PDB file of N, CA and C in Angstrom:
ATOM      1  N   UNK A   1      -3.461 -63.149 -19.234  1.00  0.00           N
ATOM      2  CA  UNK A   1      -4.054 -62.960 -19.031  1.00  0.00           C
ATOM      3  C   UNK A   1      -3.708 -61.797 -18.102  1.00  0.00           C
ATOM      4  N   UNK A   2      -4.355 -60.061 -17.561  1.00  0.00           N
ATOM      5  CA  UNK A   2      -4.174 -59.264 -16.130  1.00  0.00           C
ATOM      6  C   UNK A   2      -5.068 -59.447 -15.849  1.00  0.00           C
ATOM      7  N   UNK A   3      -5.822 -59.524 -14.604  1.00  0.00           N
ATOM      8  CA  UNK A   3      -7.385 -59.326 -14.253  1.00  0.00           C
ATOM      9  C   UNK A   3      -6.801 -58.120 -13.576  1.00  0.00           C
ATOM     10  N   UNK A   4      -8.078 -56.795 -13.125  1.00  0.00           N
ATOM     11  CA  UNK A   4      -7.982 -55.393 -12.217  1.00  0.00           C
ATOM     12  C   UNK A   4      -8.442 -56.040 -11.107  1.00  0.00           C
ATOM     13  N   UNK A   5      -8.236 -55.771  -9.820  1.00  0.00           N
ATOM     14  CA  UNK A   5      -8.845 -56.362  -8.366  1.00  0.00           C
ATOM     15  C   UNK A   5     -10.356 -55.093  -8.597  1.00  0.00           C
ATOM     16  N   UNK A   6     -11.370 -55.291  -7.734  1.00  0.00           N
ATOM     17  CA  UNK A   6     -12.669 -54.949  -7.529  1.00  0.00           C
ATOM     18  C   UNK A   6     -12.782 -54.474  -5.818  1.00  0.00           C
ATOM     19  N   UNK A   7     -13.649 -53.727  -5.836  1.00  0.00           N
ATOM     20  CA  UNK A   7     -14.117 -53.263  -3.831  1.00  0.00           C
ATOM     21  C   UNK A   7     -15.385 -54.390  -4.227  1.00  0.00           C
ATOM     22  N   UNK A   8     -15.757 -55.360  -2.773  1.00  0.00           N
ATOM     23  CA  UNK A   8     -17.379 -55.453  -3.151  1.00  0.00           C
ATOM     24  C   UNK A   8     -17.907 -54.359  -2.635  1.00  0.00           C
ATOM     25  N   UNK A   9     -18.943 -54.199  -2.801  1.00  0.00           N
ATOM     26  CA  UNK A   9     -20.041 -53.285  -2.498  1.00  0.00           C
ATOM     27  C   UNK A   9     -20.822 -53.005  -0.946  1.00  0.00           C
ATOM     28  N   UNK A  10     -20.934 -54.661  -0.828  1.00  0.00           N
ATOM     29  CA  UNK A  10     -21.507 -54.610   0.252  1.00  0.00           C
ATOM     30  C   UNK A  10     -20.569 -53.989   1.352  1.00  0.00           C
ATOM     31  N   UNK A  11     -19.727 -54.997   1.561  1.00  0.00           N
ATOM     32  CA  UNK A  11     -18.303 -55.159   1.981  1.00  0.00           C
ATOM     33  C   UNK A  11     -17.895 -53.872   2.497  1.00  0.00           C
ATOM     34  N   UNK A  12     -17.847 -52.479   1.195  1.00  0.00           N
ATOM     35  CA  UNK A  12     -17.511 -51.720   1.354  1.00  0.00           C
ATOM     36  C   UNK A  12     -17.965 -50.407   1.769  1.00  0.00           C
ATOM     37  N   UNK A  13     -19.410 -50.566   1.859  1.00  0.00           N
ATOM     38  CA  UNK A  13     -20.849 -49.916   3.153  1.00  0.00           C
ATOM     39  C   UNK A  13     -20.222 -50.193   4.120  1.00  0.00           C
ATOM     40  N   UNK A  14     -19.831 -51.650   4.154  1.00  0.00           N
ATOM     41  CA  UNK A  14     -20.089 -51.904   6.229  1.00  0.00           C
ATOM     42  C   UNK A  14     -18.952 -50.624   7.262  1.00  0.00           C
ATOM     43  N   UNK A  15     -17.865 -50.675   6.003  1.00  0.00           N
ATOM     44  CA  UNK A  15     -16.925 -50.466   6.719  1.00  0.00           C
ATOM     45  C   UNK A  15     -17.136 -48.731   7.196  1.00  0.00           C
ATOM     46  N   UNK A  16     -16.102 -47.996   8.189  1.00  0.00           N
ATOM     47  CA  UNK A  16     -16.072 -46.823   8.910  1.00  0.00           C
ATOM     48  C   UNK A  16     -16.284 -45.696   7.718  1.00  0.00           C
ATOM     49  N   UNK A  17     -17.068 -44.878   7.798  1.00  0.00           N
ATOM     50  CA  UNK A  17     -17.176 -43.509   7.208  1.00  0.00           C
ATOM     51  C   UNK A  17     -16.428 -43.745   6.780  1.00  0.00           C
ATOM     52  N   UNK A  18     -15.163 -42.603   7.755  1.00  0.00           N
ATOM     53  CA  UNK A  18     -14.246 -42.023   7.731  1.00  0.00           C
ATOM     54  C   UNK A  18     -12.712 -42.862   6.778  1.00  0.00           C
ATOM     55  N   UNK A  19     -12.888 -44.480   6.538  1.00  0.00           N
ATOM     56  CA  UNK A  19     -11.770 -44.889   6.542  1.00  0.00           C
ATOM     57  C   UNK A  19     -12.326 -45.126   4.477  1.00  0.00           C
ATOM     58  N   UNK A  20     -13.629 -44.632   4.368  1.00  0.00           N
ATOM     59  CA  UNK A  20     -13.246 -45.036   2.805  1.00  0.00           C
ATOM     60  C   UNK A  20     -12.988 -44.310   2.117  1.00  0.00           C
ATOM     61  N   UNK A  21     -12.315 -43.123   2.431  1.00  0.00           N
ATOM     62  CA  UNK A  21     -11.408 -42.066   1.260  1.00  0.00           C
ATOM     63  C   UNK A  21     -10.030 -43.465   1.392  1.00  0.00           C
ATOM     64  N   UNK A  22     -10.128 -43.520   2.430  1.00  0.00           N
ATOM     65  CA  UNK A  22      -8.525 -45.095   2.022  1.00  0.00           C
ATOM     66  C   UNK A  22      -8.093 -46.251   1.321  1.00  0.00           C
ATOM     67  N   UNK A  23      -9.829 -46.184   0.656  1.00  0.00           N
ATOM     68  CA  UNK A  23      -9.725 -47.532   0.521  1.00  0.00           C
ATOM     69  C   UNK A  23     -10.046 -47.247  -1.273  1.00  0.00           C
ATOM     70  N   UNK A  24     -10.553 -45.768  -1.389  1.00  0.00           N
ATOM     71  CA  UNK A  24     -10.288 -45.420  -3.272  1.00  0.00           C
ATOM     72  C   UNK A  24      -9.454 -44.711  -2.990  1.00  0.00           C
ATOM     73  N   UNK A  25      -9.046 -43.904  -4.014  1.00  0.00           N
ATOM     74  CA  UNK A  25      -8.623 -43.246  -4.842  1.00  0.00           C
ATOM     75  C   UNK A  25      -8.670 -42.815  -6.115  1.00  0.00           C
ATOM     76  N   UNK A  26      -8.419 -41.109  -5.792  1.00  0.00           N
ATOM     77  CA  UNK A  26      -8.552 -40.566  -7.520  1.00  0.00           C
ATOM     78  C   UNK A  26      -6.862 -41.394  -8.841  1.00  0.00           C
ATOM     79  N   UNK A  27      -7.848 -42.021  -9.857  1.00  0.00           N
ATOM     80  CA  UNK A  27      -7.371 -41.963 -10.955  1.00  0.00           C
ATOM     81  C   UNK A  27      -6.266 -41.132 -11.356  1.00  0.00           C
ATOM     82  N   UNK A  28      -5.955 -39.879 -11.960  1.00  0.00           N
ATOM     83  CA  UNK A  28      -5.653 -39.394 -12.035  1.00  0.00           C
ATOM     84  C   UNK A  28      -4.343 -39.102 -11.145  1.00  0.00           C
ATOM     85  N   UNK A  29      -4.929 -38.601  -9.779  1.00  0.00           N
ATOM     86  CA  UNK A  29      -3.620 -38.395  -8.443  1.00  0.00           C
ATOM     87  C   UNK A  29      -3.557 -39.106  -7.610  1.00  0.00           C
ATOM     88  N   UNK A  30      -3.843 -40.381  -7.267  1.00  0.00           N
ATOM     89  CA  UNK A  30      -3.280 -40.706  -6.054  1.00  0.00           C
ATOM     90  C   UNK A  30      -4.081 -40.797  -4.971  1.00  0.00           C
ATOM     91  N   UNK A  31      -4.576 -39.270  -5.004  1.00  0.00           N
ATOM     92  CA  UNK A  31      -5.134 -38.545  -3.892  1.00  0.00           C
ATOM     93  C   UNK A  31      -6.777 -39.129  -3.033  1.00  0.00           C
ATOM     94  N   UNK A  32      -6.434 -40.014  -1.915  1.00  0.00           N
ATOM     95  CA  UNK A  32      -7.778 -40.404  -0.977  1.00  0.00           C
ATOM     96  C   UNK A  32      -9.099 -40.013  -2.015  1.00  0.00           C
ATOM     97  N   UNK A  33      -9.943 -40.162  -1.959  1.00  0.00           N
ATOM     98  CA  UNK A  33     -11.381 -39.522  -2.587  1.00  0.00           C
ATOM     99  C   UNK A  33     -12.076 -39.601  -0.990  1.00  0.00           C
ATOM    100  N   UNK A  34     -12.685 -37.978  -1.545  1.00  0.00           N
ATOM    101  CA  UNK A  34     -13.498 -37.838   0.064  1.00  0.00           C
ATOM    102  C   UNK A  34     -14.663 -38.569   0.431  1.00  0.00           C
ATOM    103  N   UNK A  35     -14.774 -39.298   1.547  1.00  0.00           N
ATOM    104  CA  UNK A  35     -15.671 -40.666   2.243  1.00  0.00           C
ATOM    105  C   UNK A  35     -16.548 -40.370   1.680  1.00  0.00           C
ATOM    106  N   UNK A  36     -17.667 -39.644   1.333  1.00  0.00           N
ATOM    107  CA  UNK A  36     -18.612 -39.007   0.814  1.00  0.00           C
ATOM    108  C   UNK A  36     -19.282 -39.738  -0.526  1.00  0.00           C
ATOM    109  N   UNK A  37     -17.778 -38.867  -1.603  1.00  0.00           N
ATOM    110  CA  UNK A  37     -18.241 -39.216  -3.117  1.00  0.00           C
ATOM    111  C   UNK A  37     -18.109 -41.017  -2.893  1.00  0.00           C
ATOM    112  N   UNK A  38     -16.817 -41.034  -2.117  1.00  0.00           N
ATOM    113  CA  UNK A  38     -16.788 -42.870  -2.190  1.00  0.00           C
ATOM    114  C   UNK A  38     -18.638 -43.684  -1.673  1.00  0.00           C
ATOM    115  N   UNK A  39     -18.958 -43.510  -0.714  1.00  0.00           N
ATOM    116  CA  UNK A  39     -19.829 -43.889  -0.587  1.00  0.00           C
ATOM    117  C   UNK A  39     -21.344 -43.586  -1.261  1.00  0.00           C
ATOM    118  N   UNK A  40     -21.431 -42.390  -1.979  1.00  0.00           N
ATOM    119  CA  UNK A  40     -22.182 -42.331  -2.775  1.00  0.00           C
ATOM    120  C   UNK A  40     -21.526 -43.104  -4.114  1.00  0.00           C
ATOM    121  N   UNK A  41     -20.947 -43.256  -4.832  1.00  0.00           N
ATOM    122  CA  UNK A  41     -20.706 -43.801  -5.892  1.00  0.00           C
ATOM    123  C   UNK A  41     -21.040 -45.793  -5.482  1.00  0.00           C
ATOM    124  N   UNK A  42     -20.681 -46.057  -4.372  1.00  0.00           N
ATOM    125  CA  UNK A  42     -21.114 -47.790  -3.813  1.00  0.00           C
ATOM    126  C   UNK A  42     -22.245 -47.423  -4.568  1.00  0.00           C
ATOM    127  N   UNK A  43     -23.403 -46.557  -3.160  1.00  0.00           N
ATOM    128  CA  UNK A  43     -24.797 -46.988  -3.104  1.00  0.00           C
ATOM    129  C   UNK A  43     -25.466 -46.589  -4.612  1.00  0.00           C
ATOM    130  N   UNK A  44     -24.674 -46.025  -5.731  1.00  0.00           N
ATOM    131  CA  UNK A  44     -25.155 -45.738  -7.052  1.00  0.00           C
ATOM    132  C   UNK A  44     -25.007 -47.018  -7.784  1.00  0.00           C
ATOM    133  N   UNK A  45     -23.811 -47.759  -7.874  1.00  0.00           N
ATOM    134  CA  UNK A  45     -23.337 -48.608  -8.206  1.00  0.00           C
ATOM    135  C   UNK A  45     -24.284 -49.914  -7.650  1.00  0.00           C
ATOM    136  N   UNK A  46     -25.042 -50.344  -6.686  1.00  0.00           N
ATOM    137  CA  UNK A  46     -25.129 -50.799  -6.207  1.00  0.00           C
ATOM    138  C   UNK A  46     -26.729 -51.257  -6.657  1.00  0.00           C
ATOM    139  N   UNK A  47     -27.272 -50.065  -6.545  1.00  0.00           N
ATOM    140  CA  UNK A  47     -28.542 -49.940  -7.267  1.00  0.00           C
ATOM    141  C   UNK A  47     -28.604 -49.470  -8.660  1.00  0.00           C
ATOM    142  N   UNK A  48     -27.205 -49.630  -9.502  1.00  0.00           N
ATOM    143  CA  UNK A  48     -27.003 -50.089 -10.854  1.00  0.00           C
ATOM    144  C   UNK A  48     -27.183 -51.944 -11.022  1.00  0.00           C
ATOM    145  N   UNK A  49     -27.258 -52.520 -10.043  1.00  0.00           N
ATOM    146  CA  UNK A  49     -27.041 -53.755  -9.775  1.00  0.00           C
ATOM    147  C   UNK A  49     -25.312 -54.522 -10.142  1.00  0.00           C
ATOM    148  N   UNK A  50     -24.526 -53.670  -9.863  1.00  0.00           N
ATOM    149  CA  UNK A  50     -23.522 -54.073  -9.752  1.00  0.00           C
ATOM    150  C   UNK A  50     -22.889 -54.447  -7.870  1.00  0.00           C
ATOM    151  N   UNK A  51     -21.983 -55.889  -7.659  1.00  0.00           N
ATOM    152  CA  UNK A  51     -21.883 -56.445  -6.873  1.00  0.00           C
ATOM    153  C   UNK A  51     -20.515 -55.784  -6.639  1.00  0.00           C
ATOM    154  N   UNK A  52     -20.079 -55.253  -7.391  1.00  0.00           N
ATOM    155  CA  UNK A  52     -18.421 -54.995  -6.704  1.00  0.00           C
ATOM    156  C   UNK A  52     -18.236 -53.190  -7.922  1.00  0.00           C
ATOM    157  N   UNK A  53     -16.989 -52.820  -6.956  1.00  0.00           N
ATOM    158  CA  UNK A  53     -16.942 -51.431  -8.139  1.00  0.00           C
ATOM    159  C   UNK A  53     -15.747 -52.063  -8.910  1.00  0.00           C
ATOM    160  N   UNK A  54     -15.550 -51.828  -9.583  1.00  0.00           N
ATOM    161  CA  UNK A  54     -14.783 -51.890 -11.116  1.00  0.00           C
ATOM    162  C   UNK A  54     -13.712 -50.780 -10.713  1.00  0.00           C
ATOM    163  N   UNK A  55     -12.452 -50.740 -11.242  1.00  0.00           N
ATOM    164  CA  UNK A  55     -11.374 -50.174 -11.294  1.00  0.00           C
ATOM    165  C   UNK A  55     -10.995 -50.214 -12.777  1.00  0.00           C
ATOM    166  N   UNK A  56     -11.581 -51.071 -13.593  1.00  0.00           N
ATOM    167  CA  UNK A  56     -11.465 -50.469 -14.831  1.00  0.00           C
ATOM    168  C   UNK A  56     -12.748 -49.887 -16.132  1.00  0.00           C
ATOM    169  N   UNK A  57     -12.507 -49.595 -16.675  1.00  0.00           N
ATOM    170  CA  UNK A  57     -13.411 -49.719 -17.737  1.00  0.00           C
ATOM    171  C   UNK A  57     -13.769 -51.632 -18.386  1.00  0.00           C
ATOM    172  N   UNK A  58     -13.195 -52.173 -18.223  1.00  0.00           N
ATOM    173  CA  UNK A  58     -12.750 -53.132 -19.134  1.00  0.00           C
ATOM    174  C   UNK A  58     -13.559 -54.688 -18.553  1.00  0.00           C
ATOM    175  N   UNK A  59     -15.347 -53.778 -17.973  1.00  0.00           N
ATOM    176  CA  UNK A  59     -15.613 -54.813 -16.970  1.00  0.00           C
ATOM    177  C   UNK A  59     -17.538 -55.629 -17.138  1.00  0.00           C
ATOM    178  N   UNK A  60     -17.732 -56.229 -16.565  1.00  0.00           N
ATOM    179  CA  UNK A  60     -18.722 -57.361 -16.966  1.00  0.00           C
ATOM    180  C   UNK A  60     -20.255 -56.635 -16.577  1.00  0.00           C
ATOM    181  N   UNK A  61     -21.554 -57.013 -16.559  1.00  0.00           N
ATOM    182  CA  UNK A  61     -22.126 -56.519 -15.965  1.00  0.00           C
ATOM    183  C   UNK A  61     -23.091 -55.978 -14.486  1.00  0.00           C
ATOM    184  N   UNK A  62     -21.591 -57.241 -13.604  1.00  0.00           N
ATOM    185  CA  UNK A  62     -21.262 -57.021 -11.990  1.00  0.00           C
ATOM    186  C   UNK A  62     -20.538 -55.987 -12.043  1.00  0.00           C
ATOM    187  N   UNK A  63     -19.619 -55.886 -12.686  1.00  0.00           N
ATOM    188  CA  UNK A  63     -18.801 -54.953 -12.031  1.00  0.00           C
ATOM    189  C   UNK A  63     -17.440 -55.507 -12.255  1.00  0.00           C
ATOM    190  N   UNK A  64     -17.041 -56.754 -12.521  1.00  0.00           N
ATOM    191  CA  UNK A  64     -16.169 -57.287 -12.066  1.00  0.00           C
ATOM    192  C   UNK A  64     -14.914 -57.335 -14.068  1.00  0.00           C
ATOM    193  N   UNK A  65     -13.710 -56.999 -13.954  1.00  0.00           N
ATOM    194  CA  UNK A  65     -12.834 -57.115 -15.079  1.00  0.00           C
ATOM    195  C   UNK A  65     -13.031 -58.402 -15.653  1.00  0.00           C
ATOM    196  N   UNK A  66     -13.036 -57.753 -17.152  1.00  0.00           N
ATOM    197  CA  UNK A  66     -12.971 -59.351 -17.933  1.00  0.00           C
ATOM    198  C   UNK A  66     -11.788 -60.132 -18.533  1.00  0.00           C
ATOM    199  N   UNK A  67     -10.254 -58.664 -18.463  1.00  0.00           N
ATOM    200  CA  UNK A  67      -8.983 -59.278 -18.482  1.00  0.00           C
ATOM    201  C   UNK A  67      -8.351 -58.051 -19.439  1.00  0.00           C
ATOM    202  N   UNK A  68      -6.625 -58.218 -19.592  1.00  0.00           N
ATOM    203  CA  UNK A  68      -6.754 -57.374 -19.885  1.00  0.00           C
ATOM    204  C   UNK A  68      -4.904 -58.299 -20.950  1.00  0.00           C
ATOM    205  N   UNK A  69      -5.251 -58.082 -22.444  1.00  0.00           N
ATOM    206  CA  UNK A  69      -3.915 -59.641 -22.985  1.00  0.00           C
ATOM    207  C   UNK A  69      -1.978 -58.921 -22.486  1.00  0.00           C
ATOM    208  N   UNK A  70      -2.035 -59.485 -21.547  1.00  0.00           N
ATOM    209  CA  UNK A  70      -0.806 -59.488 -21.147  1.00  0.00           C
ATOM    210  C   UNK A  70       0.949 -58.684 -22.658  1.00  0.00           C
ATOM    211  N   UNK A  71       1.173 -58.143 -22.901  1.00  0.00           N
ATOM    212  CA  UNK A  71       2.290 -57.637 -24.213  1.00  0.00           C
ATOM    213  C   UNK A  71       3.324 -59.343 -23.339  1.00  0.00           C
ATOM    214  N   UNK A  72       3.479 -59.365 -24.863  1.00  0.00           N
ATOM    215  CA  UNK A  72       5.146 -60.596 -25.020  1.00  0.00           C
ATOM    216  C   UNK A  72       6.141 -59.982 -25.183  1.00  0.00           C
ATOM    217  N   UNK A  73       6.204 -60.100 -23.269  1.00  0.00           N
ATOM    218  CA  UNK A  73       7.795 -59.721 -23.704  1.00  0.00           C
ATOM    219  C   UNK A  73       9.473 -60.536 -23.929  1.00  0.00           C
ATOM    220  N   UNK A  74       8.940 -61.539 -24.467  1.00  0.00           N
ATOM    221  CA  UNK A  74      10.053 -62.119 -25.224  1.00  0.00           C
ATOM    222  C   UNK A  74      11.010 -63.223 -24.414  1.00  0.00           C
ATOM    223  N   UNK A  75       9.859 -63.376 -22.860  1.00  0.00           N
ATOM    224  CA  UNK A  75      10.443 -65.064 -22.330  1.00  0.00           C
ATOM    225  C   UNK A  75       9.610 -66.360 -22.341  1.00  0.00           C
TER     226      UNK A  75
END
């Protein structure tokens, strides 16, 4: 199984505002997200009961990745 990382919301919200864009990037482009967007997402996720910012769509109610099967590479 492979598991995606996640960002602790409390820790994320304690970071300097200007640093937030360096911590979270756009999935499509890889560009840093604007700090205001990262902060808004974190606040909304925390209000919805999440503990971490999920990095994939396959997560539990707290935001933690549930795991992804790894393909058999024949080794």
